Amino acid sequence: MDERIRRVYVPMTETGFYILFGLGTPRHGYGIGQRVKEMTGGAVVIGPGTMYGTLSKMEQDGLIEVCAEQDKRKLYRRTALGEEVLALELRRIERLYKNSRGEDWHA
């Protein structure tokens, strides 16, 4: 992984995390927003400007790609780099959680 990508995306913003995490299956921006809202019980709502700005940046950086178009909406999916970044962030979050509970962390 490119060091610039690591610096930009780890740690991730909550919004960035949920957008990338929400792409476990291909989705369009509105579908990602609905999935995030569902996963968080409405605690995280991503506005269109944030959604499409983040999708554009992630696509430009190679974390996601357009895989199809459906009713004039782009469907996005994670790339191998996106999977790698997400796995790195999940390990970081798990370490934080375990440390907060007084557990030792072994990567």
C-alpha atoms as a PDB file:
ATOM      1  CA  MET A   1       0.000   0.000   0.000  1.00  0.00           C
ATOM      2  CA  ASP A   2       1.257   3.441  -0.933  1.00  0.00           C
ATOM      3  CA  GLU A   3       2.320   5.491   2.106  1.00  0.00           C
ATOM      4  CA  ARG A   4       0.210   8.441   0.922  1.00  0.00           C
ATOM      5  CA  ILE A   5      -2.909   6.263   0.921  1.00  0.00           C
ATOM      6  CA  ARG A   6      -2.095   5.070   4.439  1.00  0.00           C
ATOM      7  CA  ARG A   7      -1.628   8.657   5.659  1.00  0.00           C
ATOM      8  CA  VAL A   8      -4.859   9.862   4.038  1.00  0.00           C
ATOM      9  CA  TYR A   9      -7.115   6.977   5.075  1.00  0.00           C
ATOM     10  CA  VAL A  10      -5.793   5.617   8.377  1.00  0.00           C
ATOM     11  CA  PRO A  11      -7.304   6.517  10.702  1.00  0.00           C
ATOM     12  CA  MET A  12     -10.491   6.922   8.700  1.00  0.00           C
ATOM     13  CA  THR A  13     -13.265   9.352   9.391  1.00  0.00           C
ATOM     14  CA  GLU A  14     -16.454   7.701  10.589  1.00  0.00           C
ATOM     15  CA  THR A  15     -18.141   8.682   7.329  1.00  0.00           C
ATOM     16  CA  GLY A  16     -15.320   7.297   5.196  1.00  0.00           C
ATOM     17  CA  PHE A  17     -15.300   4.087   7.186  1.00  0.00           C
ATOM     18  CA  TYR A  18     -19.021   3.518   6.798  1.00  0.00           C
ATOM     19  CA  ILE A  19     -18.976   4.314   3.091  1.00  0.00           C
ATOM     20  CA  LEU A  20     -16.157   1.835   2.439  1.00  0.00           C
ATOM     21  CA  PHE A  21     -17.647  -0.738   4.824  1.00  0.00           C
ATOM     22  CA  GLY A  22     -21.071  -0.307   3.204  1.00  0.00           C
ATOM     23  CA  LEU A  23     -19.639  -1.446  -0.105  1.00  0.00           C
ATOM     24  CA  GLY A  24     -19.490  -5.090   0.954  1.00  0.00           C
ATOM     25  CA  THR A  25     -21.742  -5.563  -2.058  1.00  0.00           C
ATOM     26  CA  PRO A  26     -21.974  -3.182  -5.028  1.00  0.00           C
ATOM     27  CA  ARG A  27     -24.203  -0.190  -4.283  1.00  0.00           C
ATOM     28  CA  HIS A  28     -24.940   3.283  -5.570  1.00  0.00           C
ATOM     29  CA  GLY A  29     -24.550   6.327  -3.349  1.00  0.00           C
ATOM     30  CA  TYR A  30     -28.161   6.386  -2.160  1.00  0.00           C
ATOM     31  CA  GLY A  31     -27.993   2.647  -1.395  1.00  0.00           C
ATOM     32  CA  ILE A  32     -24.809   3.136   0.622  1.00  0.00           C
ATOM     33  CA  GLY A  33     -26.502   5.902   2.600  1.00  0.00           C
ATOM     34  CA  GLN A  34     -29.500   3.701   3.314  1.00  0.00           C
ATOM     35  CA  ARG A  35     -27.255   0.806   4.390  1.00  0.00           C
ATOM     36  CA  VAL A  36     -25.247   3.060   6.727  1.00  0.00           C
ATOM     37  CA  LYS A  37     -28.421   4.467   8.248  1.00  0.00           C
ATOM     38  CA  GLU A  38     -29.701   0.907   8.767  1.00  0.00           C
ATOM     39  CA  MET A  39     -26.396  -0.374  10.249  1.00  0.00           C
ATOM     40  CA  THR A  40     -26.177   2.518  12.712  1.00  0.00           C
ATOM     41  CA  GLY A  41     -29.836   2.669  13.688  1.00  0.00           C
ATOM     42  CA  GLY A  42     -30.020   6.155  12.183  1.00  0.00           C
ATOM     43  CA  ALA A  43     -27.095   7.485  14.257  1.00  0.00           C
ATOM     44  CA  VAL A  44     -25.021   8.137  11.119  1.00  0.00           C
ATOM     45  CA  VAL A  45     -26.697   9.874   8.194  1.00  0.00           C
ATOM     46  CA  ILE A  46     -24.491  10.842   5.258  1.00  0.00           C
ATOM     47  CA  GLY A  47     -25.619  13.831   3.216  1.00  0.00           C
ATOM     48  CA  PRO A  48     -25.356  13.780  -0.582  1.00  0.00           C
ATOM     49  CA  GLY A  49     -22.453  16.258  -0.727  1.00  0.00           C
ATOM     50  CA  THR A  50     -20.381  14.233   1.701  1.00  0.00           C
ATOM     51  CA  MET A  51     -21.378  10.949   0.051  1.00  0.00           C
ATOM     52  CA  TYR A  52     -20.515  11.892  -3.502  1.00  0.00           C
ATOM     53  CA  GLY A  53     -17.418  13.878  -2.532  1.00  0.00           C
ATOM     54  CA  THR A  54     -16.087  10.885  -0.592  1.00  0.00           C
ATOM     55  CA  LEU A  55     -16.992   8.415  -3.350  1.00  0.00           C
ATOM     56  CA  SER A  56     -15.211  10.599  -5.899  1.00  0.00           C
ATOM     57  CA  LYS A  57     -12.076  10.842  -3.726  1.00  0.00           C
ATOM     58  CA  MET A  58     -12.057   7.104  -2.989  1.00  0.00           C
ATOM     59  CA  GLU A  59     -12.515   6.304  -6.675  1.00  0.00           C
ATOM     60  CA  GLN A  60      -9.703   8.686  -7.625  1.00  0.00           C
ATOM     61  CA  ASP A  61      -7.428   7.060  -5.012  1.00  0.00           C
ATOM     62  CA  GLY A  62      -8.288   3.542  -6.218  1.00  0.00           C
ATOM     63  CA  LEU A  63     -10.174   2.292  -3.129  1.00  0.00           C
ATOM     64  CA  ILE A  64     -13.404   1.821  -5.064  1.00  0.00           C
ATOM     65  CA  GLU A  65     -14.443   1.523  -8.687  1.00  0.00           C
ATOM     66  CA  VAL A  66     -17.583   1.813 -10.742  1.00  0.00           C
ATOM     67  CA  CYS A  67     -18.692  -1.699 -11.635  1.00  0.00           C
ATOM     68  CA  ALA A  68     -21.985  -0.994 -13.418  1.00  0.00           C
ATOM     69  CA  GLU A  69     -24.723   1.525 -14.026  1.00  0.00           C
ATOM     70  CA  GLN A  70     -28.280   0.957 -12.919  1.00  0.00           C
ATOM     71  CA  ASP A  71     -31.031   3.417 -13.869  1.00  0.00           C
ATOM     72  CA  LYS A  72     -28.348   6.057 -14.594  1.00  0.00           C
ATOM     73  CA  ARG A  73     -26.788   5.500 -11.150  1.00  0.00           C
ATOM     74  CA  LYS A  74     -23.224   4.336 -10.782  1.00  0.00           C
ATOM     75  CA  LEU A  75     -22.749   1.158  -8.767  1.00  0.00           C
ATOM     76  CA  TYR A  76     -19.518   1.111  -6.780  1.00  0.00           C
ATOM     77  CA  ARG A  77     -17.520  -1.733  -5.282  1.00  0.00           C
ATOM     78  CA  ARG A  78     -14.365  -1.951  -3.209  1.00  0.00           C
ATOM     79  CA  THR A  79     -11.106  -2.701  -4.995  1.00  0.00           C
ATOM     80  CA  ALA A  80      -8.303  -4.846  -3.593  1.00  0.00           C
ATOM     81  CA  LEU A  81      -6.727  -1.628  -2.259  1.00  0.00           C
ATOM     82  CA  GLY A  82     -10.035  -0.680  -0.643  1.00  0.00           C
ATOM     83  CA  GLU A  83     -10.194  -4.099   1.005  1.00  0.00           C
ATOM     84  CA  GLU A  84      -6.650  -3.638   2.290  1.00  0.00           C
ATOM     85  CA  VAL A  85      -7.372  -0.177   3.706  1.00  0.00           C
ATOM     86  CA  LEU A  86     -10.583  -1.407   5.329  1.00  0.00           C
ATOM     87  CA  ALA A  87      -8.809  -4.396   6.913  1.00  0.00           C
ATOM     88  CA  LEU A  88      -6.117  -2.094   8.298  1.00  0.00           C
ATOM     89  CA  GLU A  89      -8.735   0.228   9.772  1.00  0.00           C
ATOM     90  CA  LEU A  90     -10.712  -2.671  11.255  1.00  0.00           C
ATOM     91  CA  ARG A  91      -7.553  -3.933  12.976  1.00  0.00           C
ATOM     92  CA  ARG A  92      -6.946  -0.435  14.345  1.00  0.00           C
ATOM     93  CA  ILE A  93     -10.506  -0.202  15.685  1.00  0.00           C
ATOM     94  CA  GLU A  94     -10.274  -3.685  17.202  1.00  0.00           C
ATOM     95  CA  ARG A  95      -7.013  -2.727  18.929  1.00  0.00           C
ATOM     96  CA  LEU A  96      -8.645   0.415  20.355  1.00  0.00           C
ATOM     97  CA  TYR A  97     -11.602  -1.607  21.586  1.00  0.00           C
ATOM     98  CA  LYS A  98      -9.466  -4.303  23.211  1.00  0.00           C
ATOM     99  CA  ASN A  99      -7.170  -1.737  24.822  1.00  0.00           C
ATOM    100  CA  SER A 100     -10.177   0.143  26.202  1.00  0.00           C
ATOM    101  CA  ARG A 101     -11.281  -3.090  27.897  1.00  0.00           C
ATOM    102  CA  GLY A 102      -7.839  -3.684  29.418  1.00  0.00           C
ATOM    103  CA  GLU A 103      -7.033  -6.538  27.049  1.00  0.00           C
ATOM    104  CA  ASP A 104      -3.605  -7.018  25.488  1.00  0.00           C
ATOM    105  CA  TRP A 105      -3.419  -6.484  21.768  1.00  0.00           C
ATOM    106  CA  HIS A 106      -1.472  -8.842  19.530  1.00  0.00           C
ATOM    107  CA  ALA A 107      -1.701  -8.028  15.830  1.00  0.00           C
END
